[in-house]
PDB file of all heavy atoms in Angstrom:
ATOM      1  N   VAL A   1     -45.435 -44.036 -52.788  1.00  0.00           N
ATOM      2  CA  VAL A   1     -44.390 -43.034 -52.729  1.00  0.00           C
ATOM      3  C   VAL A   1     -43.190 -43.392 -53.596  1.00  0.00           C
ATOM      4  O   VAL A   1     -42.237 -42.781 -53.631  1.00  0.00           O
ATOM      5  CB  VAL A   1     -43.926 -42.757 -51.331  1.00  0.00           C
ATOM      6  CG1 VAL A   1     -45.018 -42.087 -50.470  1.00  0.00           C
ATOM      7  CG2 VAL A   1     -43.371 -44.122 -50.664  1.00  0.00           C
ATOM      8  N   ASP A   2     -43.447 -44.418 -54.475  1.00  0.00           N
ATOM      9  CA  ASP A   2     -42.524 -44.695 -55.597  1.00  0.00           C
ATOM     10  C   ASP A   2     -42.469 -43.653 -56.644  1.00  0.00           C
ATOM     11  O   ASP A   2     -43.590 -43.393 -57.237  1.00  0.00           O
ATOM     12  CB  ASP A   2     -42.839 -46.106 -56.235  1.00  0.00           C
ATOM     13  CG  ASP A   2     -41.959 -46.487 -57.443  1.00  0.00           C
ATOM     14  OD1 ASP A   2     -40.900 -45.799 -57.711  1.00  0.00           O
ATOM     15  OD2 ASP A   2     -42.351 -47.501 -57.973  1.00  0.00           O
ATOM     16  N   PRO A   3     -41.404 -42.966 -56.966  1.00  0.00           N
ATOM     17  CA  PRO A   3     -41.369 -41.879 -57.874  1.00  0.00           C
ATOM     18  C   PRO A   3     -41.731 -42.369 -59.307  1.00  0.00           C
ATOM     19  O   PRO A   3     -42.026 -41.621 -60.146  1.00  0.00           O
ATOM     20  CB  PRO A   3     -39.969 -41.299 -57.927  1.00  0.00           C
ATOM     21  CG  PRO A   3     -39.154 -42.421 -57.172  1.00  0.00           C
ATOM     22  CD  PRO A   3     -40.046 -43.008 -56.281  1.00  0.00           C
ATOM     23  N   HIS A   4     -41.695 -43.716 -59.525  1.00  0.00           N
ATOM     24  CA  HIS A   4     -42.016 -44.273 -60.877  1.00  0.00           C
ATOM     25  C   HIS A   4     -43.283 -45.086 -60.795  1.00  0.00           C
ATOM     26  O   HIS A   4     -43.475 -45.993 -61.639  1.00  0.00           O
ATOM     27  CB  HIS A   4     -40.734 -45.148 -61.291  1.00  0.00           C
ATOM     28  CG  HIS A   4     -39.519 -44.486 -61.312  1.00  0.00           C
ATOM     29  ND1 HIS A   4     -39.229 -43.436 -62.101  1.00  0.00           N
ATOM     30  CD2 HIS A   4     -38.412 -44.701 -60.552  1.00  0.00           C
ATOM     31  CE1 HIS A   4     -37.892 -43.047 -61.973  1.00  0.00           C
ATOM     32  NE2 HIS A   4     -37.478 -43.632 -60.988  1.00  0.00           N
ATOM     33  N   TYR A   5     -44.131 -44.815 -59.900  1.00  0.00           N
ATOM     34  CA  TYR A   5     -45.363 -45.639 -59.660  1.00  0.00           C
ATOM     35  C   TYR A   5     -46.192 -45.678 -60.984  1.00  0.00           C
ATOM     36  O   TYR A   5     -46.337 -44.691 -61.627  1.00  0.00           O
ATOM     37  CB  TYR A   5     -46.182 -45.053 -58.514  1.00  0.00           C
ATOM     38  CG  TYR A   5     -47.557 -45.794 -58.486  1.00  0.00           C
ATOM     39  CD1 TYR A   5     -47.705 -46.925 -57.685  1.00  0.00           C
ATOM     40  CD2 TYR A   5     -48.700 -45.154 -59.069  1.00  0.00           C
ATOM     41  CE1 TYR A   5     -48.940 -47.441 -57.565  1.00  0.00           C
ATOM     42  CE2 TYR A   5     -49.929 -45.774 -58.973  1.00  0.00           C
ATOM     43  CZ  TYR A   5     -50.061 -46.972 -58.229  1.00  0.00           C
ATOM     44  OH  TYR A   5     -51.306 -47.593 -58.126  1.00  0.00           O
ATOM     45  N   ASN A   6     -46.566 -46.908 -61.345  1.00  0.00           N
ATOM     46  CA  ASN A   6     -47.424 -47.062 -62.515  1.00  0.00           C
ATOM     47  C   ASN A   6     -48.595 -48.099 -62.311  1.00  0.00           C
ATOM     48  O   ASN A   6     -49.364 -48.476 -63.253  1.00  0.00           O
ATOM     49  CB  ASN A   6     -46.726 -47.356 -63.806  1.00  0.00           C
ATOM     50  CG  ASN A   6     -45.982 -48.666 -63.735  1.00  0.00           C
ATOM     51  OD1 ASN A   6     -46.219 -49.490 -62.767  1.00  0.00           O
ATOM     52  ND2 ASN A   6     -45.043 -49.046 -64.660  1.00  0.00           N
ATOM     53  N   GLY A   7     -48.783 -48.522 -61.055  1.00  0.00           N
ATOM     54  CA  GLY A   7     -49.809 -49.432 -60.724  1.00  0.00           C
ATOM     55  C   GLY A   7     -49.533 -50.965 -60.993  1.00  0.00           C
ATOM     56  O   GLY A   7     -50.421 -51.760 -60.651  1.00  0.00           O
ATOM     57  N   THR A   8     -48.349 -51.221 -61.486  1.00  0.00           N
ATOM     58  CA  THR A   8     -48.066 -52.631 -61.762  1.00  0.00           C
ATOM     59  C   THR A   8     -47.198 -53.295 -60.680  1.00  0.00           C
ATOM     60  O   THR A   8     -46.535 -52.594 -59.889  1.00  0.00           O
ATOM     61  CB  THR A   8     -47.195 -52.769 -63.050  1.00  0.00           C
ATOM     62  OG1 THR A   8     -45.933 -52.090 -62.879  1.00  0.00           O
ATOM     63  CG2 THR A   8     -47.935 -52.027 -64.184  1.00  0.00           C
ATOM     64  N   THR A   9     -47.357 -54.616 -60.568  1.00  0.00           N
ATOM     65  CA  THR A   9     -46.508 -55.291 -59.636  1.00  0.00           C
ATOM     66  C   THR A   9     -45.065 -55.373 -59.948  1.00  0.00           C
ATOM     67  O   THR A   9     -44.215 -55.475 -59.115  1.00  0.00           O
ATOM     68  CB  THR A   9     -47.094 -56.821 -59.443  1.00  0.00           C
ATOM     69  OG1 THR A   9     -47.089 -57.479 -60.739  1.00  0.00           O
ATOM     70  CG2 THR A   9     -48.450 -56.783 -58.794  1.00  0.00           C
ATOM     71  N   LYS A  10     -44.780 -55.336 -61.346  1.00  0.00           N
ATOM     72  CA  LYS A  10     -43.416 -55.245 -61.706  1.00  0.00           C
ATOM     73  C   LYS A  10     -42.587 -53.953 -61.299  1.00  0.00           C
ATOM     74  O   LYS A  10     -41.538 -54.054 -60.722  1.00  0.00           O
ATOM     75  CB  LYS A  10     -43.318 -55.264 -63.287  1.00  0.00           C
ATOM     76  CG  LYS A  10     -41.883 -55.262 -63.863  1.00  0.00           C
ATOM     77  CD  LYS A  10     -41.966 -55.252 -65.349  1.00  0.00           C
ATOM     78  CE  LYS A  10     -40.557 -55.307 -65.909  1.00  0.00           C
ATOM     79  NZ  LYS A  10     -40.518 -55.319 -67.385  1.00  0.00           N
ATOM     80  N   GLU A  11     -43.246 -52.877 -61.275  1.00  0.00           N
ATOM     81  CA  GLU A  11     -42.769 -51.613 -60.850  1.00  0.00           C
ATOM     82  C   GLU A  11     -42.657 -51.595 -59.286  1.00  0.00           C
ATOM     83  O   GLU A  11     -41.610 -51.175 -58.707  1.00  0.00           O
ATOM     84  CB  GLU A  11     -43.465 -50.402 -61.286  1.00  0.00           C
ATOM     85  CG  GLU A  11     -42.982 -49.125 -60.753  1.00  0.00           C
ATOM     86  CD  GLU A  11     -41.487 -48.824 -60.947  1.00  0.00           C
ATOM     87  OE1 GLU A  11     -40.915 -49.219 -61.881  1.00  0.00           O
ATOM     88  OE2 GLU A  11     -40.932 -48.177 -60.035  1.00  0.00           O
ATOM     89  N   ALA A  12     -43.655 -52.188 -58.669  1.00  0.00           N
ATOM     90  CA  ALA A  12     -43.716 -52.228 -57.265  1.00  0.00           C
ATOM     91  C   ALA A  12     -42.498 -53.206 -56.633  1.00  0.00           C
ATOM     92  O   ALA A  12     -41.851 -52.848 -55.784  1.00  0.00           O
ATOM     93  CB  ALA A  12     -45.021 -52.786 -56.695  1.00  0.00           C
ATOM     94  N   THR A  13     -42.257 -54.199 -57.446  1.00  0.00           N
ATOM     95  CA  THR A  13     -41.183 -55.060 -56.997  1.00  0.00           C
ATOM     96  C   THR A  13     -39.814 -54.319 -57.229  1.00  0.00           C
ATOM     97  O   THR A  13     -38.881 -54.470 -56.386  1.00  0.00           O
ATOM     98  CB  THR A  13     -41.118 -56.287 -58.012  1.00  0.00           C
ATOM     99  OG1 THR A  13     -42.297 -57.142 -57.781  1.00  0.00           O
ATOM    100  CG2 THR A  13     -39.894 -57.237 -57.712  1.00  0.00           C
ATOM    101  N   ALA A  14     -39.660 -53.608 -58.310  1.00  0.00           N
ATOM    102  CA  ALA A  14     -38.408 -52.779 -58.491  1.00  0.00           C
ATOM    103  C   ALA A  14     -38.212 -51.714 -57.421  1.00  0.00           C
ATOM    104  O   ALA A  14     -37.121 -51.588 -56.943  1.00  0.00           O
ATOM    105  CB  ALA A  14     -38.520 -52.119 -59.895  1.00  0.00           C
ATOM    106  N   TRP A  15     -39.334 -51.214 -56.798  1.00  0.00           N
ATOM    107  CA  TRP A  15     -39.268 -50.174 -55.769  1.00  0.00           C
ATOM    108  C   TRP A  15     -38.841 -50.917 -54.511  1.00  0.00           C
ATOM    109  O   TRP A  15     -38.032 -50.391 -53.719  1.00  0.00           O
ATOM    110  CB  TRP A  15     -40.545 -49.543 -55.699  1.00  0.00           C
ATOM    111  CG  TRP A  15     -40.841 -48.623 -54.543  1.00  0.00           C
ATOM    112  CD1 TRP A  15     -41.829 -48.598 -53.546  1.00  0.00           C
ATOM    113  CD2 TRP A  15     -39.922 -47.455 -54.171  1.00  0.00           C
ATOM    114  NE1 TRP A  15     -41.675 -47.531 -52.681  1.00  0.00           N
ATOM    115  CE2 TRP A  15     -40.555 -46.876 -53.002  1.00  0.00           C
ATOM    116  CE3 TRP A  15     -38.767 -46.913 -54.661  1.00  0.00           C
ATOM    117  CZ2 TRP A  15     -39.959 -45.725 -52.424  1.00  0.00           C
ATOM    118  CZ3 TRP A  15     -38.292 -45.841 -54.118  1.00  0.00           C
ATOM    119  CH2 TRP A  15     -38.822 -45.238 -53.029  1.00  0.00           C
ATOM    120  N   GLY A  16     -39.380 -52.167 -54.266  1.00  0.00           N
ATOM    121  CA  GLY A  16     -38.794 -52.877 -53.164  1.00  0.00           C
ATOM    122  C   GLY A  16     -37.329 -53.332 -53.200  1.00  0.00           C
ATOM    123  O   GLY A  16     -36.513 -53.143 -52.296  1.00  0.00           O
ATOM    124  N   VAL A  17     -36.929 -53.645 -54.449  1.00  0.00           N
ATOM    125  CA  VAL A  17     -35.463 -53.902 -54.655  1.00  0.00           C
ATOM    126  C   VAL A  17     -34.665 -52.649 -54.403  1.00  0.00           C
ATOM    127  O   VAL A  17     -33.606 -52.685 -53.822  1.00  0.00           O
ATOM    128  CB  VAL A  17     -35.281 -54.500 -56.118  1.00  0.00           C
ATOM    129  CG1 VAL A  17     -33.749 -54.412 -56.554  1.00  0.00           C
ATOM    130  CG2 VAL A  17     -35.871 -55.857 -56.312  1.00  0.00           C
ATOM    131  N   GLN A  18     -35.093 -51.504 -54.889  1.00  0.00           N
ATOM    132  CA  GLN A  18     -34.361 -50.306 -54.722  1.00  0.00           C
ATOM    133  C   GLN A  18     -34.150 -49.961 -53.279  1.00  0.00           C
ATOM    134  O   GLN A  18     -32.994 -49.636 -52.892  1.00  0.00           O
ATOM    135  CB  GLN A  18     -34.996 -49.086 -55.309  1.00  0.00           C
ATOM    136  CG  GLN A  18     -34.477 -47.673 -55.081  1.00  0.00           C
ATOM    137  CD  GLN A  18     -33.083 -47.631 -55.690  1.00  0.00           C
ATOM    138  OE1 GLN A  18     -32.936 -47.186 -56.843  1.00  0.00           O
ATOM    139  NE2 GLN A  18     -31.991 -47.762 -54.917  1.00  0.00           N
ATOM    140  N   GLN A  19     -35.120 -50.158 -52.421  1.00  0.00           N
ATOM    141  CA  GLN A  19     -35.069 -49.978 -50.970  1.00  0.00           C
ATOM    142  C   GLN A  19     -34.162 -50.958 -50.274  1.00  0.00           C
ATOM    143  O   GLN A  19     -33.407 -50.667 -49.404  1.00  0.00           O
ATOM    144  CB  GLN A  19     -36.408 -50.044 -50.368  1.00  0.00           C
ATOM    145  CG  GLN A  19     -37.304 -48.719 -50.856  1.00  0.00           C
ATOM    146  CD  GLN A  19     -38.558 -48.657 -50.155  1.00  0.00           C
ATOM    147  OE1 GLN A  19     -38.721 -48.276 -49.090  1.00  0.00           O
ATOM    148  NE2 GLN A  19     -39.658 -49.106 -50.839  1.00  0.00           N
ATOM    149  N   ALA A  20     -34.067 -52.130 -50.833  1.00  0.00           N
ATOM    150  CA  ALA A  20     -33.220 -53.210 -50.315  1.00  0.00           C
ATOM    151  C   ALA A  20     -31.776 -52.798 -50.625  1.00  0.00           C
ATOM    152  O   ALA A  20     -30.848 -53.043 -49.845  1.00  0.00           O
ATOM    153  CB  ALA A  20     -33.568 -54.503 -50.889  1.00  0.00           C
ATOM    154  N   GLU A  21     -31.485 -52.314 -51.741  1.00  0.00           N
ATOM    155  CA  GLU A  21     -30.102 -51.852 -52.180  1.00  0.00           C
ATOM    156  C   GLU A  21     -29.660 -50.774 -51.253  1.00  0.00           C
ATOM    157  O   GLU A  21     -28.564 -50.694 -50.769  1.00  0.00           O
ATOM    158  CB  GLU A  21     -30.065 -51.495 -53.622  1.00  0.00           C
ATOM    159  CG  GLU A  21     -30.297 -52.493 -54.641  1.00  0.00           C
ATOM    160  CD  GLU A  21     -30.419 -52.148 -56.046  1.00  0.00           C
ATOM    161  OE1 GLU A  21     -30.667 -50.872 -56.279  1.00  0.00           O
ATOM    162  OE2 GLU A  21     -30.170 -52.794 -56.936  1.00  0.00           O
ATOM    163  N   TRP A  22     -30.628 -49.766 -51.010  1.00  0.00           N
ATOM    164  CA  TRP A  22     -30.272 -48.742 -50.076  1.00  0.00           C
ATOM    165  C   TRP A  22     -29.918 -49.368 -48.664  1.00  0.00           C
ATOM    166  O   TRP A  22     -29.022 -48.782 -48.041  1.00  0.00           O
ATOM    167  CB  TRP A  22     -31.391 -47.770 -49.908  1.00  0.00           C
ATOM    168  CG  TRP A  22     -31.603 -46.873 -51.083  1.00  0.00           C
ATOM    169  CD1 TRP A  22     -30.655 -46.427 -52.116  1.00  0.00           C
ATOM    170  CD2 TRP A  22     -32.748 -46.244 -51.586  1.00  0.00           C
ATOM    171  NE1 TRP A  22     -31.206 -45.711 -53.100  1.00  0.00           N
ATOM    172  CE2 TRP A  22     -32.510 -45.462 -52.757  1.00  0.00           C
ATOM    173  CE3 TRP A  22     -34.113 -46.171 -51.165  1.00  0.00           C
ATOM    174  CZ2 TRP A  22     -33.409 -44.726 -53.432  1.00  0.00           C
ATOM    175  CZ3 TRP A  22     -35.097 -45.505 -51.723  1.00  0.00           C
ATOM    176  CH2 TRP A  22     -34.762 -44.667 -52.915  1.00  0.00           C
ATOM    177  N   THR A  23     -30.717 -50.227 -48.304  1.00  0.00           N
ATOM    178  CA  THR A  23     -30.441 -50.779 -46.911  1.00  0.00           C
ATOM    179  C   THR A  23     -29.071 -51.384 -46.853  1.00  0.00           C
ATOM    180  O   THR A  23     -28.355 -51.181 -45.798  1.00  0.00           O
ATOM    181  CB  THR A  23     -31.540 -51.947 -46.657  1.00  0.00           C
ATOM    182  OG1 THR A  23     -32.886 -51.312 -46.723  1.00  0.00           O
ATOM    183  CG2 THR A  23     -31.339 -52.453 -45.276  1.00  0.00           C
ATOM    184  N   LEU A  24     -28.746 -52.263 -47.705  1.00  0.00           N
ATOM    185  CA  LEU A  24     -27.405 -52.974 -47.644  1.00  0.00           C
ATOM    186  C   LEU A  24     -26.292 -51.914 -47.753  1.00  0.00           C
ATOM    187  O   LEU A  24     -25.212 -52.102 -47.075  1.00  0.00           O
ATOM    188  CB  LEU A  24     -27.330 -54.024 -48.700  1.00  0.00           C
ATOM    189  CG  LEU A  24     -28.246 -55.263 -48.554  1.00  0.00           C
ATOM    190  CD1 LEU A  24     -28.070 -56.247 -49.722  1.00  0.00           C
ATOM    191  CD2 LEU A  24     -28.068 -55.951 -47.241  1.00  0.00           C
ATOM    192  N   SER A  25     -26.372 -50.900 -48.458  1.00  0.00           N
ATOM    193  CA  SER A  25     -25.408 -49.815 -48.583  1.00  0.00           C
ATOM    194  C   SER A  25     -25.234 -49.137 -47.267  1.00  0.00           C
ATOM    195  O   SER A  25     -24.134 -48.974 -46.852  1.00  0.00           O
ATOM    196  CB  SER A  25     -25.708 -48.860 -49.674  1.00  0.00           C
ATOM    197  OG  SER A  25     -24.800 -47.859 -49.711  1.00  0.00           O
ATOM    198  N   ALA A  26     -26.393 -48.715 -46.640  1.00  0.00           N
ATOM    199  CA  ALA A  26     -26.393 -48.151 -45.322  1.00  0.00           C
ATOM    200  C   ALA A  26     -25.658 -49.088 -44.299  1.00  0.00           C
ATOM    201  O   ALA A  26     -24.887 -48.579 -43.402  1.00  0.00           O
ATOM    202  CB  ALA A  26     -27.714 -47.642 -44.898  1.00  0.00           C
ATOM    203  N   MET A  27     -26.088 -50.259 -44.296  1.00  0.00           N
ATOM    204  CA  MET A  27     -25.599 -51.249 -43.323  1.00  0.00           C
ATOM    205  C   MET A  27     -24.050 -51.498 -43.422  1.00  0.00           C
ATOM    206  O   MET A  27     -23.415 -51.941 -42.435  1.00  0.00           O
ATOM    207  CB  MET A  27     -26.376 -52.563 -43.435  1.00  0.00           C
ATOM    208  CG  MET A  27     -27.741 -52.470 -42.911  1.00  0.00           C
ATOM    209  SD  MET A  27     -28.618 -54.047 -43.245  1.00  0.00           S
ATOM    210  CE  MET A  27     -27.697 -55.119 -42.247  1.00  0.00           C
ATOM    211  N   SER A  28     -23.464 -51.309 -44.598  1.00  0.00           N
ATOM    212  CA  SER A  28     -22.006 -51.517 -44.784  1.00  0.00           C
ATOM    213  C   SER A  28     -21.256 -50.513 -43.931  1.00  0.00           C
ATOM    214  O   SER A  28     -20.027 -50.792 -43.575  1.00  0.00           O
ATOM    215  CB  SER A  28     -21.672 -51.328 -46.149  1.00  0.00           C
ATOM    216  OG  SER A  28     -21.744 -49.987 -46.573  1.00  0.00           O
ATOM    217  N   LYS A  29     -21.856 -49.543 -43.253  1.00  0.00           N
ATOM    218  CA  LYS A  29     -21.185 -48.539 -42.494  1.00  0.00           C
ATOM    219  C   LYS A  29     -21.418 -48.767 -40.958  1.00  0.00           C
ATOM    220  O   LYS A  29     -21.070 -47.939 -40.182  1.00  0.00           O
ATOM    221  CB  LYS A  29     -21.464 -47.114 -42.981  1.00  0.00           C
ATOM    222  CG  LYS A  29     -21.106 -46.871 -44.405  1.00  0.00           C
ATOM    223  CD  LYS A  29     -21.912 -45.580 -44.819  1.00  0.00           C
ATOM    224  CE  LYS A  29     -21.700 -45.341 -46.281  1.00  0.00           C
ATOM    225  NZ  LYS A  29     -22.322 -46.360 -47.227  1.00  0.00           N
TER     226      LYS A  29
END
């Protein structure tokens, strides 16, 4: 469900990082 999926572990890692960033932003509230 990564909008930038290309089958690589590099992009998958970036998708995990994006979700972690969203998490910390939400938790700040």
